[in-house]
Amino acid sequence: MKKQDHFLKIVEWSEEDQCYVGSIPGWIGKCCHGDDETEVYSQLCKILDEWIELYEEDNIPLPPTIANKKFSGKFQLRVDQELHKALAIKALQANESLNSFCANILRKTVLPSISRF
């Protein structure tokens, strides 16, 4: 596995810029853009390779990655009382637990926006 493969690479559509934008979250911000999603991904990989090479030449440790990180599937979310109540009511109306209701909302909102190659 190449070092590049350990880093999360994201290519997403930017409404503001009206093009695809590539980034490496937690390390390299938005660093390339274009009209073709695949080309932007390719540019992003080249930029990442260059950064890895520069860090290694300067003996700078690479930032931590999430590629091999294990996620428990649990996190605590704090919201105000009004939102908590509204979510609980919506969950009851949907005949779901609060946890299941919130997980479904997050899944529908977050997962479609992530490009995968």
PDB file of N, CA and C in Angstrom:
ATOM      1  N   MET A   1       0.841  -1.181   0.000  1.00  0.00           N
ATOM      2  CA  MET A   1       0.000   0.000   0.000  1.00  0.00           C
ATOM      3  C   MET A   1       0.888   1.246   0.000  1.00  0.00           C
ATOM      4  N   LYS A   2       0.597   2.158  -0.908  1.00  0.00           N
ATOM      5  CA  LYS A   2       1.360   3.398  -0.982  1.00  0.00           C
ATOM      6  C   LYS A   2       0.963   4.315   0.179  1.00  0.00           C
ATOM      7  N   LYS A   3       1.881   5.187   0.575  1.00  0.00           N
ATOM      8  CA  LYS A   3       1.593   6.124   1.666  1.00  0.00           C
ATOM      9  C   LYS A   3       0.376   6.978   1.341  1.00  0.00           C
ATOM     10  N   GLN A   4       0.212   7.311   0.078  1.00  0.00           N
ATOM     11  CA  GLN A   4      -0.920   8.117  -0.372  1.00  0.00           C
ATOM     12  C   GLN A   4      -2.256   7.461   0.003  1.00  0.00           C
ATOM     13  N   ASP A   5      -2.267   6.125  -0.023  1.00  0.00           N
ATOM     14  CA  ASP A   5      -3.507   5.394   0.224  1.00  0.00           C
ATOM     15  C   ASP A   5      -4.008   5.527   1.664  1.00  0.00           C
ATOM     16  N   HIS A   6      -3.161   6.001   2.559  1.00  0.00           N
ATOM     17  CA  HIS A   6      -3.542   6.141   3.959  1.00  0.00           C
ATOM     18  C   HIS A   6      -4.320   7.430   4.231  1.00  0.00           C
ATOM     19  N   PHE A   7      -4.347   8.332   3.266  1.00  0.00           N
ATOM     20  CA  PHE A   7      -4.974   9.632   3.485  1.00  0.00           C
ATOM     21  C   PHE A   7      -6.325   9.726   2.783  1.00  0.00           C
ATOM     22  N   LEU A   8      -7.279  10.330   3.481  1.00  0.00           N
ATOM     23  CA  LEU A   8      -8.608  10.539   2.935  1.00  0.00           C
ATOM     24  C   LEU A   8      -8.546  11.652   1.892  1.00  0.00           C
ATOM     25  N   LYS A   9      -8.996  11.338   0.694  1.00  0.00           N
ATOM     26  CA  LYS A   9      -9.011  12.301  -0.403  1.00  0.00           C
ATOM     27  C   LYS A   9     -10.475  12.577  -0.752  1.00  0.00           C
ATOM     28  N   ILE A  10     -10.843  13.845  -0.743  1.00  0.00           N
ATOM     29  CA  ILE A  10     -12.240  14.196  -1.020  1.00  0.00           C
ATOM     30  C   ILE A  10     -12.325  15.114  -2.229  1.00  0.00           C
ATOM     31  N   VAL A  11     -13.193  14.739  -3.153  1.00  0.00           N
ATOM     32  CA  VAL A  11     -13.534  15.584  -4.297  1.00  0.00           C
ATOM     33  C   VAL A  11     -15.028  15.828  -4.194  1.00  0.00           C
ATOM     34  N   GLU A  12     -15.403  17.106  -4.106  1.00  0.00           N
ATOM     35  CA  GLU A  12     -16.821  17.423  -3.967  1.00  0.00           C
ATOM     36  C   GLU A  12     -17.184  18.611  -4.835  1.00  0.00           C
ATOM     37  N   TRP A  13     -18.449  18.666  -5.188  1.00  0.00           N
ATOM     38  CA  TRP A  13     -18.959  19.761  -6.002  1.00  0.00           C
ATOM     39  C   TRP A  13     -19.107  20.998  -5.134  1.00  0.00           C
ATOM     40  N   SER A  14     -18.622  22.134  -5.608  1.00  0.00           N
ATOM     41  CA  SER A  14     -18.762  23.408  -4.910  1.00  0.00           C
ATOM     42  C   SER A  14     -19.780  24.260  -5.656  1.00  0.00           C
ATOM     43  N   GLU A  15     -20.912  24.497  -5.018  1.00  0.00           N
ATOM     44  CA  GLU A  15     -21.926  25.375  -5.612  1.00  0.00           C
ATOM     45  C   GLU A  15     -21.361  26.780  -5.786  1.00  0.00           C
ATOM     46  N   GLU A  16     -20.602  27.212  -4.800  1.00  0.00           N
ATOM     47  CA  GLU A  16     -20.032  28.562  -4.825  1.00  0.00           C
ATOM     48  C   GLU A  16     -19.090  28.758  -6.009  1.00  0.00           C
ATOM     49  N   ASP A  17     -18.231  27.761  -6.262  1.00  0.00           N
ATOM     50  CA  ASP A  17     -17.238  27.864  -7.335  1.00  0.00           C
ATOM     51  C   ASP A  17     -17.725  27.265  -8.656  1.00  0.00           C
ATOM     52  N   GLN A  18     -18.827  26.522  -8.612  1.00  0.00           N
ATOM     53  CA  GLN A  18     -19.381  25.839  -9.784  1.00  0.00           C
ATOM     54  C   GLN A  18     -18.363  24.915 -10.445  1.00  0.00           C
ATOM     55  N   CYS A  19     -17.659  24.157  -9.600  1.00  0.00           N
ATOM     56  CA  CYS A  19     -16.700  23.174 -10.098  1.00  0.00           C
ATOM     57  C   CYS A  19     -16.420  22.170  -8.983  1.00  0.00           C
ATOM     58  N   TYR A  20     -15.688  21.110  -9.323  1.00  0.00           N
ATOM     59  CA  TYR A  20     -15.266  20.133  -8.322  1.00  0.00           C
ATOM     60  C   TYR A  20     -14.027  20.664  -7.612  1.00  0.00           C
ATOM     61  N   VAL A  21     -13.949  20.415  -6.312  1.00  0.00           N
ATOM     62  CA  VAL A  21     -12.829  20.877  -5.499  1.00  0.00           C
ATOM     63  C   VAL A  21     -12.277  19.682  -4.728  1.00  0.00           C
ATOM     64  N   GLY A  22     -10.930  19.573  -4.716  1.00  0.00           N
ATOM     65  CA  GLY A  22     -10.278  18.469  -4.018  1.00  0.00           C
ATOM     66  C   GLY A  22      -9.561  18.932  -2.763  1.00  0.00           C
ATOM     67  N   SER A  23      -9.574  18.080  -1.736  1.00  0.00           N
ATOM     68  CA  SER A  23      -8.877  18.392  -0.487  1.00  0.00           C
ATOM     69  C   SER A  23      -8.479  17.110   0.244  1.00  0.00           C
ATOM     70  N   ILE A  24      -7.546  17.265   1.185  1.00  0.00           N
ATOM     71  CA  ILE A  24      -7.141  16.192   2.093  1.00  0.00           C
ATOM     72  C   ILE A  24      -7.484  16.714   3.489  1.00  0.00           C
ATOM     73  N   PRO A  25      -8.653  16.349   4.030  1.00  0.00           N
ATOM     74  CA  PRO A  25      -9.081  16.893   5.321  1.00  0.00           C
ATOM     75  C   PRO A  25      -8.046  16.662   6.423  1.00  0.00           C
ATOM     76  N   GLY A  26      -7.846  17.693   7.217  1.00  0.00           N
ATOM     77  CA  GLY A  26      -6.918  17.605   8.322  1.00  0.00           C
ATOM     78  C   GLY A  26      -5.473  17.869   7.954  1.00  0.00           C
ATOM     79  N   TRP A  27      -5.212  18.099   6.676  1.00  0.00           N
ATOM     80  CA  TRP A  27      -3.834  18.353   6.269  1.00  0.00           C
ATOM     81  C   TRP A  27      -3.775  19.395   5.163  1.00  0.00           C
ATOM     82  N   ILE A  28      -4.228  19.034   3.990  1.00  0.00           N
ATOM     83  CA  ILE A  28      -4.166  19.931   2.838  1.00  0.00           C
ATOM     84  C   ILE A  28      -5.584  20.401   2.551  1.00  0.00           C
ATOM     85  N   GLY A  29      -5.796  21.689   2.648  1.00  0.00           N
ATOM     86  CA  GLY A  29      -7.137  22.225   2.396  1.00  0.00           C
ATOM     87  C   GLY A  29      -7.503  22.115   0.928  1.00  0.00           C
ATOM     88  N   LYS A  30      -8.454  22.891   0.520  1.00  0.00           N
ATOM     89  CA  LYS A  30      -8.880  22.889  -0.882  1.00  0.00           C
ATOM     90  C   LYS A  30      -7.680  23.308  -1.728  1.00  0.00           C
ATOM     91  N   CYS A  31      -7.238  22.398  -2.603  1.00  0.00           N
ATOM     92  CA  CYS A  31      -5.974  22.643  -3.306  1.00  0.00           C
ATOM     93  C   CYS A  31      -6.043  22.457  -4.805  1.00  0.00           C
ATOM     94  N   CYS A  32      -7.151  21.970  -5.325  1.00  0.00           N
ATOM     95  CA  CYS A  32      -7.271  21.833  -6.779  1.00  0.00           C
ATOM     96  C   CYS A  32      -8.748  21.861  -7.140  1.00  0.00           C
ATOM     97  N   HIS A  33      -9.010  22.201  -8.386  1.00  0.00           N
ATOM     98  CA  HIS A  33     -10.397  22.285  -8.821  1.00  0.00           C
ATOM     99  C   HIS A  33     -10.485  22.067 -10.330  1.00  0.00           C
ATOM    100  N   GLY A  34     -11.686  21.784 -10.796  1.00  0.00           N
ATOM    101  CA  GLY A  34     -11.907  21.608 -12.225  1.00  0.00           C
ATOM    102  C   GLY A  34     -13.314  21.135 -12.514  1.00  0.00           C
ATOM    103  N   ASP A  35     -13.611  20.991 -13.800  1.00  0.00           N
ATOM    104  CA  ASP A  35     -14.943  20.588 -14.238  1.00  0.00           C
ATOM    105  C   ASP A  35     -15.136  19.077 -14.278  1.00  0.00           C
ATOM    106  N   ASP A  36     -14.031  18.321 -14.264  1.00  0.00           N
ATOM    107  CA  ASP A  36     -14.110  16.870 -14.350  1.00  0.00           C
ATOM    108  C   ASP A  36     -13.693  16.251 -13.018  1.00  0.00           C
ATOM    109  N   GLU A  37     -14.603  15.532 -12.401  1.00  0.00           N
ATOM    110  CA  GLU A  37     -14.372  14.946 -11.077  1.00  0.00           C
ATOM    111  C   GLU A  37     -13.156  14.019 -11.055  1.00  0.00           C
ATOM    112  N   THR A  38     -13.014  13.207 -12.085  1.00  0.00           N
ATOM    113  CA  THR A  38     -11.897  12.264 -12.150  1.00  0.00           C
ATOM    114  C   THR A  38     -10.567  12.987 -12.309  1.00  0.00           C
ATOM    115  N   GLU A  39     -10.542  14.031 -13.112  1.00  0.00           N
ATOM    116  CA  GLU A  39      -9.308  14.818 -13.279  1.00  0.00           C
ATOM    117  C   GLU A  39      -8.906  15.505 -11.980  1.00  0.00           C
ATOM    118  N   VAL A  40      -9.880  16.033 -11.251  1.00  0.00           N
ATOM    119  CA  VAL A  40      -9.591  16.690  -9.981  1.00  0.00           C
ATOM    120  C   VAL A  40      -9.023  15.671  -8.998  1.00  0.00           C
ATOM    121  N   TYR A  41      -9.579  14.468  -8.993  1.00  0.00           N
ATOM    122  CA  TYR A  41      -9.056  13.409  -8.121  1.00  0.00           C
ATOM    123  C   TYR A  41      -7.606  13.090  -8.485  1.00  0.00           C
ATOM    124  N   SER A  42      -7.316  12.999  -9.760  1.00  0.00           N
ATOM    125  CA  SER A  42      -5.957  12.731 -10.231  1.00  0.00           C
ATOM    126  C   SER A  42      -5.001  13.841  -9.797  1.00  0.00           C
ATOM    127  N   GLN A  43      -5.427  15.099  -9.965  1.00  0.00           N
ATOM    128  CA  GLN A  43      -4.612  16.238  -9.513  1.00  0.00           C
ATOM    129  C   GLN A  43      -4.364  16.149  -8.014  1.00  0.00           C
ATOM    130  N   LEU A  44      -5.397  15.818  -7.272  1.00  0.00           N
ATOM    131  CA  LEU A  44      -5.302  15.724  -5.820  1.00  0.00           C
ATOM    132  C   LEU A  44      -4.279  14.668  -5.413  1.00  0.00           C
ATOM    133  N   CYS A  45      -4.286  13.529  -6.082  1.00  0.00           N
ATOM    134  CA  CYS A  45      -3.322  12.471  -5.781  1.00  0.00           C
ATOM    135  C   CYS A  45      -1.889  12.926  -6.058  1.00  0.00           C
ATOM    136  N   LYS A  46      -1.686  13.663  -7.157  1.00  0.00           N
ATOM    137  CA  LYS A  46      -0.351  14.180  -7.479  1.00  0.00           C
ATOM    138  C   LYS A  46       0.112  15.183  -6.429  1.00  0.00           C
ATOM    139  N   ILE A  47      -0.779  16.064  -6.007  1.00  0.00           N
ATOM    140  CA  ILE A  47      -0.441  17.048  -4.978  1.00  0.00           C
ATOM    141  C   ILE A  47      -0.083  16.328  -3.681  1.00  0.00           C
ATOM    142  N   LEU A  48      -0.851  15.325  -3.316  1.00  0.00           N
ATOM    143  CA  LEU A  48      -0.579  14.567  -2.101  1.00  0.00           C
ATOM    144  C   LEU A  48       0.786  13.897  -2.174  1.00  0.00           C
ATOM    145  N   ASP A  49       1.102  13.282  -3.305  1.00  0.00           N
ATOM    146  CA  ASP A  49       2.418  12.660  -3.475  1.00  0.00           C
ATOM    147  C   ASP A  49       3.537  13.679  -3.285  1.00  0.00           C
ATOM    148  N   GLU A  50       3.353  14.882  -3.848  1.00  0.00           N
ATOM    149  CA  GLU A  50       4.369  15.933  -3.711  1.00  0.00           C
ATOM    150  C   GLU A  50       4.539  16.355  -2.253  1.00  0.00           C
ATOM    151  N   TRP A  51       3.442  16.500  -1.535  1.00  0.00           N
ATOM    152  CA  TRP A  51       3.518  16.894  -0.128  1.00  0.00           C
ATOM    153  C   TRP A  51       4.211  15.807   0.698  1.00  0.00           C
ATOM    154  N   ILE A  52       3.883  14.559   0.437  1.00  0.00           N
ATOM    155  CA  ILE A  52       4.524  13.458   1.164  1.00  0.00           C
ATOM    156  C   ILE A  52       6.021  13.488   0.913  1.00  0.00           C
ATOM    157  N   GLU A  53       6.408  13.667  -0.341  1.00  0.00           N
ATOM    158  CA  GLU A  53       7.825  13.727  -0.703  1.00  0.00           C
ATOM    159  C   GLU A  53       8.527  14.885   0.021  1.00  0.00           C
ATOM    160  N   LEU A  54       7.902  16.067   0.025  1.00  0.00           N
ATOM    161  CA  LEU A  54       8.495  17.229   0.702  1.00  0.00           C
ATOM    162  C   LEU A  54       8.652  16.989   2.200  1.00  0.00           C
ATOM    163  N   TYR A  55       7.651  16.436   2.824  1.00  0.00           N
ATOM    164  CA  TYR A  55       7.725  16.151   4.258  1.00  0.00           C
ATOM    165  C   TYR A  55       8.858  15.166   4.553  1.00  0.00           C
ATOM    166  N   GLU A  56       8.944  14.133   3.726  1.00  0.00           N
ATOM    167  CA  GLU A  56       9.987  13.124   3.951  1.00  0.00           C
ATOM    168  C   GLU A  56      11.382  13.706   3.718  1.00  0.00           C
ATOM    169  N   GLU A  57      11.547  14.547   2.704  1.00  0.00           N
ATOM    170  CA  GLU A  57      12.839  15.187   2.445  1.00  0.00           C
ATOM    171  C   GLU A  57      13.272  16.062   3.621  1.00  0.00           C
ATOM    172  N   ASP A  58      12.317  16.714   4.251  1.00  0.00           N
ATOM    173  CA  ASP A  58      12.610  17.607   5.376  1.00  0.00           C
ATOM    174  C   ASP A  58      12.513  16.901   6.726  1.00  0.00           C
ATOM    175  N   ASN A  59      12.349  15.578   6.705  1.00  0.00           N
ATOM    176  CA  ASN A  59      12.225  14.776   7.932  1.00  0.00           C
ATOM    177  C   ASN A  59      11.116  15.286   8.855  1.00  0.00           C
ATOM    178  N   ILE A  60      10.023  15.684   8.266  1.00  0.00           N
ATOM    179  CA  ILE A  60       8.848  16.113   9.028  1.00  0.00           C
ATOM    180  C   ILE A  60       7.879  14.930   9.073  1.00  0.00           C
ATOM    181  N   PRO A  61       7.411  14.563  10.266  1.00  0.00           N
ATOM    182  CA  PRO A  61       6.468  13.444  10.335  1.00  0.00           C
ATOM    183  C   PRO A  61       5.164  13.767   9.605  1.00  0.00           C
ATOM    184  N   LEU A  62       4.637  12.786   8.917  1.00  0.00           N
ATOM    185  CA  LEU A  62       3.359  12.961   8.226  1.00  0.00           C
ATOM    186  C   LEU A  62       2.243  13.046   9.264  1.00  0.00           C
ATOM    187  N   PRO A  63       1.193  13.797   8.967  1.00  0.00           N
ATOM    188  CA  PRO A  63       0.074  13.899   9.917  1.00  0.00           C
ATOM    189  C   PRO A  63      -0.638  12.553  10.062  1.00  0.00           C
ATOM    190  N   PRO A  64      -1.326  12.365  11.180  1.00  0.00           N
ATOM    191  CA  PRO A  64      -2.063  11.111  11.364  1.00  0.00           C
ATOM    192  C   PRO A  64      -3.158  10.968  10.313  1.00  0.00           C
ATOM    193  N   THR A  65      -3.472   9.736   9.986  1.00  0.00           N
ATOM    194  CA  THR A  65      -4.506   9.462   8.986  1.00  0.00           C
ATOM    195  C   THR A  65      -5.668   8.720   9.633  1.00  0.00           C
ATOM    196  N   ILE A  66      -6.774   8.637   8.913  1.00  0.00           N
ATOM    197  CA  ILE A  66      -7.907   7.873   9.432  1.00  0.00           C
ATOM    198  C   ILE A  66      -8.092   6.551   8.691  1.00  0.00           C
ATOM    199  N   ALA A  67      -7.185   6.247   7.765  1.00  0.00           N
ATOM    200  CA  ALA A  67      -7.346   5.048   6.938  1.00  0.00           C
ATOM    201  C   ALA A  67      -7.459   3.772   7.772  1.00  0.00           C
ATOM    202  N   ASN A  68      -6.666   3.631   8.799  1.00  0.00           N
ATOM    203  CA  ASN A  68      -6.694   2.419   9.614  1.00  0.00           C
ATOM    204  C   ASN A  68      -7.359   2.636  10.965  1.00  0.00           C
ATOM    205  N   LYS A  69      -7.924   3.805  11.169  1.00  0.00           N
ATOM    206  CA  LYS A  69      -8.570   4.114  12.438  1.00  0.00           C
ATOM    207  C   LYS A  69      -9.867   3.337  12.555  1.00  0.00           C
ATOM    208  N   LYS A  70     -10.093   2.788  13.706  1.00  0.00           N
ATOM    209  CA  LYS A  70     -11.334   2.061  13.984  1.00  0.00           C
ATOM    210  C   LYS A  70     -12.322   3.031  14.620  1.00  0.00           C
ATOM    211  N   PHE A  71     -13.540   3.032  14.139  1.00  0.00           N
ATOM    212  CA  PHE A  71     -14.582   3.884  14.681  1.00  0.00           C
ATOM    213  C   PHE A  71     -15.591   3.012  15.418  1.00  0.00           C
ATOM    214  N   SER A  72     -15.965   3.429  16.617  1.00  0.00           N
ATOM    215  CA  SER A  72     -16.860   2.628  17.460  1.00  0.00           C
ATOM    216  C   SER A  72     -18.308   2.674  16.993  1.00  0.00           C
ATOM    217  N   GLY A  73     -18.664   3.717  16.254  1.00  0.00           N
ATOM    218  CA  GLY A  73     -20.062   3.880  15.874  1.00  0.00           C
ATOM    219  C   GLY A  73     -20.836   4.670  16.922  1.00  0.00           C
ATOM    220  N   LYS A  74     -20.123   5.172  17.920  1.00  0.00           N
ATOM    221  CA  LYS A  74     -20.770   5.951  18.977  1.00  0.00           C
ATOM    222  C   LYS A  74     -20.091   7.310  19.093  1.00  0.00           C
ATOM    223  N   PHE A  75     -20.894   8.338  19.262  1.00  0.00           N
ATOM    224  CA  PHE A  75     -20.390   9.648  19.636  1.00  0.00           C
ATOM    225  C   PHE A  75     -21.515  10.379  20.340  1.00  0.00           C
ATOM    226  N   GLN A  76     -21.155  11.295  21.202  1.00  0.00           N
ATOM    227  CA  GLN A  76     -22.159  12.021  21.959  1.00  0.00           C
ATOM    228  C   GLN A  76     -22.385  13.376  21.305  1.00  0.00           C
ATOM    229  N   LEU A  77     -23.622  13.709  21.135  1.00  0.00           N
ATOM    230  CA  LEU A  77     -23.995  14.973  20.506  1.00  0.00           C
ATOM    231  C   LEU A  77     -24.829  15.773  21.494  1.00  0.00           C
ATOM    232  N   ARG A  78     -24.411  16.993  21.744  1.00  0.00           N
ATOM    233  CA  ARG A  78     -25.176  17.851  22.647  1.00  0.00           C
ATOM    234  C   ARG A  78     -25.934  18.897  21.828  1.00  0.00           C
ATOM    235  N   VAL A  79     -27.224  18.996  22.100  1.00  0.00           N
ATOM    236  CA  VAL A  79     -28.073  19.982  21.433  1.00  0.00           C
ATOM    237  C   VAL A  79     -28.887  20.698  22.509  1.00  0.00           C
ATOM    238  N   ASP A  80     -29.494  21.816  22.140  1.00  0.00           N
ATOM    239  CA  ASP A  80     -30.313  22.516  23.130  1.00  0.00           C
ATOM    240  C   ASP A  80     -31.609  21.746  23.371  1.00  0.00           C
ATOM    241  N   GLN A  81     -32.304  22.090  24.446  1.00  0.00           N
ATOM    242  CA  GLN A  81     -33.508  21.367  24.854  1.00  0.00           C
ATOM    243  C   GLN A  81     -34.615  21.425  23.801  1.00  0.00           C
ATOM    244  N   GLU A  82     -34.742  22.556  23.157  1.00  0.00           N
ATOM    245  CA  GLU A  82     -35.794  22.725  22.150  1.00  0.00           C
ATOM    246  C   GLU A  82     -35.579  21.780  20.964  1.00  0.00           C
ATOM    247  N   LEU A  83     -34.342  21.685  20.487  1.00  0.00           N
ATOM    248  CA  LEU A  83     -34.041  20.775  19.382  1.00  0.00           C
ATOM    249  C   LEU A  83     -34.209  19.324  19.813  1.00  0.00           C
ATOM    250  N   HIS A  84     -33.782  19.005  21.021  1.00  0.00           N
ATOM    251  CA  HIS A  84     -33.920  17.642  21.540  1.00  0.00           C
ATOM    252  C   HIS A  84     -35.399  17.237  21.534  1.00  0.00           C
ATOM    253  N   LYS A  85     -36.250  18.124  22.030  1.00  0.00           N
ATOM    254  CA  LYS A  85     -37.686  17.841  22.073  1.00  0.00           C
ATOM    255  C   LYS A  85     -38.253  17.669  20.661  1.00  0.00           C
ATOM    256  N   ALA A  86     -37.880  18.573  19.754  1.00  0.00           N
ATOM    257  CA  ALA A  86     -38.377  18.496  18.378  1.00  0.00           C
ATOM    258  C   ALA A  86     -37.948  17.194  17.706  1.00  0.00           C
ATOM    259  N   LEU A  87     -36.705  16.781  17.928  1.00  0.00           N
ATOM    260  CA  LEU A  87     -36.222  15.525  17.351  1.00  0.00           C
ATOM    261  C   LEU A  87     -36.968  14.333  17.944  1.00  0.00           C
ATOM    262  N   ALA A  88     -37.206  14.374  19.244  1.00  0.00           N
ATOM    263  CA  ALA A  88     -37.933  13.278  19.903  1.00  0.00           C
ATOM    264  C   ALA A  88     -39.349  13.160  19.343  1.00  0.00           C
ATOM    265  N   ILE A  89     -40.004  14.288  19.115  1.00  0.00           N
ATOM    266  CA  ILE A  89     -41.363  14.280  18.557  1.00  0.00           C
ATOM    267  C   ILE A  89     -41.347  13.720  17.134  1.00  0.00           C
ATOM    268  N   LYS A  90     -40.401  14.188  16.312  1.00  0.00           N
ATOM    269  CA  LYS A  90     -40.298  13.684  14.927  1.00  0.00           C
ATOM    270  C   LYS A  90     -40.021  12.178  14.917  1.00  0.00           C
ATOM    271  N   ALA A  91     -39.183  11.720  15.834  1.00  0.00           N
ATOM    272  CA  ALA A  91     -38.871  10.291  15.915  1.00  0.00           C
ATOM    273  C   ALA A  91     -40.127   9.494  16.267  1.00  0.00           C
ATOM    274  N   LEU A  92     -40.899   9.994  17.234  1.00  0.00           N
ATOM    275  CA  LEU A  92     -42.155   9.326  17.593  1.00  0.00           C
ATOM    276  C   LEU A  92     -43.105   9.273  16.409  1.00  0.00           C
ATOM    277  N   GLN A  93     -43.213  10.380  15.688  1.00  0.00           N
ATOM    278  CA  GLN A  93     -44.098  10.425  14.518  1.00  0.00           C
ATOM    279  C   GLN A  93     -43.664   9.435  13.443  1.00  0.00           C
ATOM    280  N   ALA A  94     -42.342   9.216  13.345  1.00  0.00           N
ATOM    281  CA  ALA A  94     -41.811   8.277  12.354  1.00  0.00           C
ATOM    282  C   ALA A  94     -41.779   6.846  12.891  1.00  0.00           C
ATOM    283  N   ASN A  95     -42.238   6.674  14.127  1.00  0.00           N
ATOM    284  CA  ASN A  95     -42.240   5.367  14.784  1.00  0.00           C
ATOM    285  C   ASN A  95     -40.833   4.769  14.852  1.00  0.00           C
ATOM    286  N   GLU A  96     -39.871   5.624  15.204  1.00  0.00           N
ATOM    287  CA  GLU A  96     -38.476   5.225  15.331  1.00  0.00           C
ATOM    288  C   GLU A  96     -37.940   5.665  16.678  1.00  0.00           C
ATOM    289  N   SER A  97     -36.864   5.034  17.097  1.00  0.00           N
ATOM    290  CA  SER A  97     -36.174   5.524  18.288  1.00  0.00           C
ATOM    291  C   SER A  97     -35.489   6.840  17.921  1.00  0.00           C
ATOM    292  N   LEU A  98     -35.185   7.641  18.910  1.00  0.00           N
ATOM    293  CA  LEU A  98     -34.498   8.905  18.664  1.00  0.00           C
ATOM    294  C   LEU A  98     -33.155   8.646  17.988  1.00  0.00           C
ATOM    295  N   ASN A  99     -32.434   7.630  18.468  1.00  0.00           N
ATOM    296  CA  ASN A  99     -31.131   7.298  17.893  1.00  0.00           C
ATOM    297  C   ASN A  99     -31.259   6.921  16.418  1.00  0.00           C
ATOM    298  N   SER A 100     -32.187   6.038  16.125  1.00  0.00           N
ATOM    299  CA  SER A 100     -32.385   5.588  14.744  1.00  0.00           C
ATOM    300  C   SER A 100     -32.810   6.749  13.846  1.00  0.00           C
ATOM    301  N   PHE A 101     -33.703   7.578  14.330  1.00  0.00           N
ATOM    302  CA  PHE A 101     -34.179   8.732  13.567  1.00  0.00           C
ATOM    303  C   PHE A 101     -33.023   9.670  13.218  1.00  0.00           C
ATOM    304  N   CYS A 102     -32.219  10.013  14.228  1.00  0.00           N
ATOM    305  CA  CYS A 102     -31.087  10.925  14.002  1.00  0.00           C
ATOM    306  C   CYS A 102     -30.041  10.287  13.079  1.00  0.00           C
ATOM    307  N   ALA A 103     -29.770   9.000  13.273  1.00  0.00           N
ATOM    308  CA  ALA A 103     -28.800   8.308  12.414  1.00  0.00           C
ATOM    309  C   ALA A 103     -29.265   8.329  10.961  1.00  0.00           C
ATOM    310  N   ASN A 104     -30.556   8.116  10.730  1.00  0.00           N
ATOM    311  CA  ASN A 104     -31.085   8.136   9.362  1.00  0.00           C
ATOM    312  C   ASN A 104     -30.975   9.522   8.733  1.00  0.00           C
ATOM    313  N   ILE A 105     -31.242  10.557   9.513  1.00  0.00           N
ATOM    314  CA  ILE A 105     -31.100  11.925   8.998  1.00  0.00           C
ATOM    315  C   ILE A 105     -29.646  12.193   8.632  1.00  0.00           C
ATOM    316  N   LEU A 106     -28.731  11.826   9.514  1.00  0.00           N
ATOM    317  CA  LEU A 106     -27.310  12.036   9.231  1.00  0.00           C
ATOM    318  C   LEU A 106     -26.872  11.243   8.007  1.00  0.00           C
ATOM    319  N   ARG A 107     -27.309   9.997   7.900  1.00  0.00           N
ATOM    320  CA  ARG A 107     -26.942   9.141   6.763  1.00  0.00           C
ATOM    321  C   ARG A 107     -27.408   9.767   5.453  1.00  0.00           C
ATOM    322  N   LYS A 108     -28.652  10.226   5.418  1.00  0.00           N
ATOM    323  CA  LYS A 108     -29.214  10.821   4.195  1.00  0.00           C
ATOM    324  C   LYS A 108     -28.536  12.139   3.842  1.00  0.00           C
ATOM    325  N   THR A 109     -28.091  12.866   4.855  1.00  0.00           N
ATOM    326  CA  THR A 109     -27.490  14.175   4.634  1.00  0.00           C
ATOM    327  C   THR A 109     -26.013  14.097   4.283  1.00  0.00           C
ATOM    328  N   VAL A 110     -25.286  13.246   4.966  1.00  0.00           N
ATOM    329  CA  VAL A 110     -23.832  13.233   4.848  1.00  0.00           C
ATOM    330  C   VAL A 110     -23.315  12.282   3.771  1.00  0.00           C
ATOM    331  N   LEU A 111     -23.792  11.064   3.742  1.00  0.00           N
ATOM    332  CA  LEU A 111     -23.215  10.068   2.830  1.00  0.00           C
ATOM    333  C   LEU A 111     -23.344  10.402   1.354  1.00  0.00           C
ATOM    334  N   PRO A 112     -24.462  10.936   0.873  1.00  0.00           N
ATOM    335  CA  PRO A 112     -24.530  11.235  -0.569  1.00  0.00           C
ATOM    336  C   PRO A 112     -23.543  12.297  -1.032  1.00  0.00           C
ATOM    337  N   SER A 113     -23.046  13.114  -0.112  1.00  0.00           N
ATOM    338  CA  SER A 113     -22.156  14.203  -0.523  1.00  0.00           C
ATOM    339  C   SER A 113     -20.695  13.788  -0.633  1.00  0.00           C
ATOM    340  N   ILE A 114     -20.397  12.553  -0.274  1.00  0.00           N
ATOM    341  CA  ILE A 114     -18.990  12.097  -0.331  1.00  0.00           C
ATOM    342  C   ILE A 114     -18.756  11.338  -1.612  1.00  0.00           C
ATOM    343  N   SER A 115     -17.798  11.819  -2.417  1.00  0.00           N
ATOM    344  CA  SER A 115     -17.439  11.134  -3.658  1.00  0.00           C
ATOM    345  C   SER A 115     -16.505   9.982  -3.332  1.00  0.00           C
ATOM    346  N   ARG A 116     -16.721   8.853  -3.971  1.00  0.00           N
ATOM    347  CA  ARG A 116     -15.873   7.691  -3.738  1.00  0.00           C
ATOM    348  C   ARG A 116     -15.314   7.190  -5.050  1.00  0.00           C
ATOM    349  N   PHE A 117     -14.041   6.841  -5.033  1.00  0.00           N
ATOM    350  CA  PHE A 117     -13.385   6.291  -6.208  1.00  0.00           C
ATOM    351  C   PHE A 117     -12.877   4.919  -5.896  1.00  0.00           C
TER     352      PHE A 117
END
